[in-house]
Amino acid sequence: MILIRQKILTTGLCFLFFLLIIPSYPQGAFPQSKSERLPKEVAKISLPKLIDFGANRCIPCKKMAPILQDLTEEYQGRVIIKVIEVYQEKELTRINGIRAIPTQIFFDAKNREVYRHVGFMSKEEIIKIFGKMGVK
């Protein structure tokens, strides 16, 4: 029982630390330029995008890695899928208002955010969002 409490406390403190080191914009207060919210090499491409914000020490992020790799291969040429390491890309994380990981942000071909999800997301859920975005 003590180990469970300690684990919960440690996890909570890590999450709180994450919130403190990466302050984010309030809801709706994102930068004016949509392309500032994406890595430069991704913003140039006129395709729908899935940007996954995570960390390699995050368990749900690790579980999503093979799913995102499969989708990258399946949707090559139709969707750009990019994984952002939040502890390395702090400014991009802050600009996008990331408060918990993993967070997936879906952008249309004009770099406008169309959907956001926080937490683990299954392959089927991602494919469903792609379908709603008109990706076949």
Protein backbone atom coordinates (compact mmCIF):
# COMPACT_ATOMS: atom_id res chain seq x y z
CA MET A 1 0.00 0.00 0.00
CA ILE A 2 2.87 2.36 0.80
CA LEU A 3 4.44 1.68 -2.60
CA ILE A 4 1.18 2.55 -4.36
CA ARG A 5 0.89 5.84 -2.45
CA GLN A 6 4.53 6.64 -3.19
CA LYS A 7 4.02 5.91 -6.89
CA ILE A 8 0.93 8.14 -7.02
CA LEU A 9 2.77 10.92 -5.21
CA THR A 10 5.80 10.62 -7.51
CA THR A 11 3.64 10.60 -10.64
CA GLY A 12 1.69 13.62 -9.41
CA LEU A 13 4.88 15.52 -8.63
CA CYS A 14 6.33 14.73 -12.06
CA PHE A 15 3.15 16.01 -13.71
CA LEU A 16 3.22 19.15 -11.55
CA PHE A 17 6.89 19.68 -12.42
CA PHE A 18 6.01 19.34 -16.12
CA LEU A 19 3.35 22.05 -15.74
CA LEU A 20 5.77 24.38 -13.99
CA ILE A 21 8.69 24.06 -16.40
CA ILE A 22 6.56 24.37 -19.52
CA PRO A 23 4.00 27.13 -19.01
CA SER A 24 1.41 27.26 -21.74
CA TYR A 25 -0.90 29.75 -23.36
CA PRO A 26 -4.44 30.03 -22.01
CA GLN A 27 -7.08 28.34 -24.15
CA GLY A 28 -7.54 30.28 -27.40
CA ALA A 29 -4.46 32.49 -26.93
CA PHE A 30 -2.23 30.76 -29.46
CA PRO A 31 0.19 32.70 -31.66
CA GLN A 32 -1.27 34.49 -34.68
CA SER A 33 0.73 32.50 -37.22
CA LYS A 34 -0.56 28.94 -37.57
CA SER A 35 2.79 27.75 -38.91
CA GLU A 36 4.55 28.82 -35.66
CA ARG A 37 2.72 25.94 -33.96
CA LEU A 38 4.41 23.34 -36.16
CA PRO A 39 8.02 22.34 -36.79
CA LYS A 40 9.28 24.39 -39.77
CA GLU A 41 9.90 21.35 -41.97
CA VAL A 42 6.33 20.14 -41.36
CA ALA A 43 4.58 23.51 -41.75
CA LYS A 44 5.79 23.80 -45.36
CA ILE A 45 3.99 20.62 -46.49
CA SER A 46 0.40 21.01 -47.72
CA LEU A 47 -0.98 17.79 -46.24
CA PRO A 48 -3.04 17.06 -43.12
CA LYS A 49 -0.87 16.53 -40.06
CA LEU A 50 -0.89 14.62 -36.78
CA ILE A 51 1.53 16.03 -34.22
CA ASP A 52 2.02 13.83 -31.15
CA PHE A 53 3.52 15.52 -28.09
CA GLY A 54 5.09 13.04 -25.69
CA ALA A 55 8.23 11.86 -23.93
CA ASN A 56 10.25 8.66 -24.05
CA ARG A 57 9.78 8.12 -20.30
CA CYS A 58 5.98 8.30 -20.60
CA ILE A 59 4.31 4.84 -20.64
CA PRO A 60 1.30 5.78 -22.83
CA CYS A 61 3.69 7.58 -25.20
CA LYS A 62 5.79 4.42 -25.50
CA LYS A 63 2.64 2.39 -26.24
CA MET A 64 1.69 4.81 -29.00
CA ALA A 65 5.10 4.72 -30.74
CA PRO A 66 4.49 1.52 -32.78
CA ILE A 67 0.97 2.72 -33.68
CA LEU A 68 2.31 6.01 -35.00
CA GLN A 69 5.06 4.19 -36.90
CA ASP A 70 2.49 1.90 -38.58
CA LEU A 71 0.27 4.87 -39.48
CA THR A 72 3.26 6.78 -40.89
CA GLU A 73 3.85 3.91 -43.31
CA GLU A 74 0.16 3.33 -44.12
CA TYR A 75 -0.62 7.01 -44.76
CA GLN A 76 2.63 7.98 -46.47
CA GLY A 77 1.98 10.77 -48.96
CA ARG A 78 -1.47 11.49 -47.48
CA VAL A 79 -0.75 12.58 -43.87
CA ILE A 80 2.33 13.88 -42.08
CA ILE A 81 2.84 12.28 -38.66
CA LYS A 82 5.42 13.87 -36.39
CA VAL A 83 6.34 13.00 -32.80
CA ILE A 84 7.56 15.87 -30.63
CA GLU A 85 9.67 15.18 -27.54
CA VAL A 86 8.31 17.76 -25.07
CA TYR A 87 11.46 17.99 -22.96
CA GLN A 88 13.56 18.80 -26.05
CA GLU A 89 11.05 21.04 -27.85
CA LYS A 90 9.93 23.21 -24.92
CA GLU A 91 9.01 26.27 -26.98
CA LEU A 92 6.87 24.30 -29.44
CA THR A 93 5.24 22.54 -26.48
CA ARG A 94 4.49 25.88 -24.80
CA ILE A 95 3.17 27.50 -27.96
CA ASN A 96 0.71 24.64 -28.46
CA GLY A 97 -0.58 24.83 -24.90
CA ILE A 98 0.39 21.26 -23.99
CA ARG A 99 -0.49 20.57 -20.34
CA ALA A 100 -0.40 16.74 -20.28
CA ILE A 101 1.21 14.03 -22.38
CA PRO A 102 0.62 12.37 -24.66
CA THR A 103 -1.37 14.99 -26.58
CA GLN A 104 -2.24 14.56 -30.23
CA ILE A 105 -3.11 17.59 -32.36
CA PHE A 106 -4.58 17.13 -35.82
CA PHE A 107 -4.04 19.94 -38.35
CA ASP A 108 -5.61 20.33 -41.78
CA ALA A 109 -3.54 21.00 -44.92
CA LYS A 110 -3.67 24.75 -44.17
CA ASN A 111 -2.13 24.19 -40.71
CA ARG A 112 -5.35 24.90 -38.80
CA GLU A 113 -6.01 22.78 -35.72
CA VAL A 114 -9.08 20.62 -36.27
CA TYR A 115 -8.94 18.18 -33.35
CA ARG A 116 -7.04 17.68 -30.08
CA HIS A 117 -6.86 14.61 -27.84
CA VAL A 118 -5.08 14.13 -24.52
CA GLY A 119 -3.98 10.64 -23.46
CA PHE A 120 -3.41 7.34 -25.22
CA MET A 121 -5.14 7.13 -28.60
CA SER A 122 -5.68 3.82 -30.39
CA LYS A 123 -4.97 3.23 -34.05
CA GLU A 124 -8.71 2.93 -34.74
CA GLU A 125 -9.44 6.27 -33.06
CA ILE A 126 -6.73 8.01 -35.09
CA ILE A 127 -7.99 6.47 -38.34
CA LYS A 128 -11.51 7.66 -37.48
CA ILE A 129 -10.23 11.25 -37.08
CA PHE A 130 -8.32 10.97 -40.37
CA GLY A 131 -11.62 9.92 -41.99
CA LYS A 132 -13.42 12.94 -40.54
CA MET A 133 -10.63 15.10 -41.99
CA GLY A 134 -11.26 13.62 -45.44
CA VAL A 135 -8.13 11.45 -45.55
CA LYS A 136 -8.69 8.12 -47.27
